[in-house]
Amino acid sequence: MFRLLEETGFTRVRSAVVPGFRFRQQSTQNSAEAYGVKAVMMTALRPTGP
């Protein structure tokens, strides 16, 4: 994901785990936790120019 954003011109690409995030359905939450999936927020600066 980082590489894709950087290759398309985005800069300062960062990620952070979102604490306390819960999926809407409990079954989805259970499946995600079983696989160790975390909710991650990505931020980056949009490329400038044409």
C-alpha atoms as a PDB file:
ATOM      1  CA  MET A   1       0.000   0.000   0.000  1.00  0.00           C
ATOM      2  CA  PHE A   2       2.809   2.412   0.897  1.00  0.00           C
ATOM      3  CA  ARG A   3       4.618   1.718  -2.357  1.00  0.00           C
ATOM      4  CA  LEU A   4       1.484   2.212  -4.450  1.00  0.00           C
ATOM      5  CA  LEU A   5       0.829   5.616  -2.886  1.00  0.00           C
ATOM      6  CA  GLU A   6       4.447   6.715  -3.207  1.00  0.00           C
ATOM      7  CA  GLU A   7       4.710   5.545  -6.831  1.00  0.00           C
ATOM      8  CA  THR A   8       1.640   7.600  -7.739  1.00  0.00           C
ATOM      9  CA  GLY A   9       3.129  10.776  -6.288  1.00  0.00           C
ATOM     10  CA  PHE A  10       1.798  10.911  -2.740  1.00  0.00           C
ATOM     11  CA  THR A  11       4.253  12.041  -0.075  1.00  0.00           C
ATOM     12  CA  ARG A  12       4.530  11.688   3.690  1.00  0.00           C
ATOM     13  CA  VAL A  13       2.617   8.396   3.639  1.00  0.00           C
ATOM     14  CA  ARG A  14       1.891   7.238   7.179  1.00  0.00           C
ATOM     15  CA  SER A  15      -0.218   4.592   8.865  1.00  0.00           C
ATOM     16  CA  ALA A  16      -1.583   4.180  12.371  1.00  0.00           C
ATOM     17  CA  VAL A  17      -3.637   1.495  14.069  1.00  0.00           C
ATOM     18  CA  VAL A  18      -7.056   2.844  15.052  1.00  0.00           C
ATOM     19  CA  PRO A  19      -7.535   2.018  18.752  1.00  0.00           C
ATOM     20  CA  GLY A  20     -10.920   0.719  19.822  1.00  0.00           C
ATOM     21  CA  PHE A  21     -12.224   0.256  16.265  1.00  0.00           C
ATOM     22  CA  ARG A  22     -15.168  -2.162  16.078  1.00  0.00           C
ATOM     23  CA  PHE A  23     -16.714  -3.694  12.964  1.00  0.00           C
ATOM     24  CA  ARG A  24     -20.474  -3.293  12.614  1.00  0.00           C
ATOM     25  CA  GLN A  25     -21.214  -6.989  12.880  1.00  0.00           C
ATOM     26  CA  GLN A  26     -19.848  -9.096  15.699  1.00  0.00           C
ATOM     27  CA  SER A  27     -19.161 -12.015  13.342  1.00  0.00           C
ATOM     28  CA  THR A  28     -16.915  -9.778  11.225  1.00  0.00           C
ATOM     29  CA  GLN A  29     -15.133  -8.554  14.355  1.00  0.00           C
ATOM     30  CA  ASN A  30     -14.555 -12.140  15.485  1.00  0.00           C
ATOM     31  CA  SER A  31     -13.181 -13.178  12.084  1.00  0.00           C
ATOM     32  CA  ALA A  32     -10.883 -10.160  11.907  1.00  0.00           C
ATOM     33  CA  GLU A  33      -9.507 -10.813  15.386  1.00  0.00           C
ATOM     34  CA  ALA A  34      -8.953 -14.489  14.557  1.00  0.00           C
ATOM     35  CA  TYR A  35      -6.686 -13.444  11.666  1.00  0.00           C
ATOM     36  CA  GLY A  36      -5.027 -10.622  13.617  1.00  0.00           C
ATOM     37  CA  VAL A  37      -6.515  -7.905  11.405  1.00  0.00           C
ATOM     38  CA  LYS A  38      -6.360  -4.367  12.769  1.00  0.00           C
ATOM     39  CA  ALA A  39      -8.109  -1.232  11.532  1.00  0.00           C
ATOM     40  CA  VAL A  40      -5.455   0.987   9.996  1.00  0.00           C
ATOM     41  CA  MET A  41      -5.769   4.640   9.038  1.00  0.00           C
ATOM     42  CA  MET A  42      -3.601   5.813   6.127  1.00  0.00           C
ATOM     43  CA  THR A  43      -2.665   9.458   5.593  1.00  0.00           C
ATOM     44  CA  ALA A  44      -0.653  11.079   2.805  1.00  0.00           C
ATOM     45  CA  LEU A  45      -0.203  14.393   1.045  1.00  0.00           C
ATOM     46  CA  ARG A  46      -1.828  14.585  -2.367  1.00  0.00           C
ATOM     47  CA  PRO A  47       0.455  15.201  -5.338  1.00  0.00           C
ATOM     48  CA  THR A  48       0.417  18.732  -6.751  1.00  0.00           C
ATOM     49  CA  GLY A  49       0.472  19.733 -10.378  1.00  0.00           C
ATOM     50  CA  PRO A  50      -1.355  18.644 -13.537  1.00  0.00           C
END
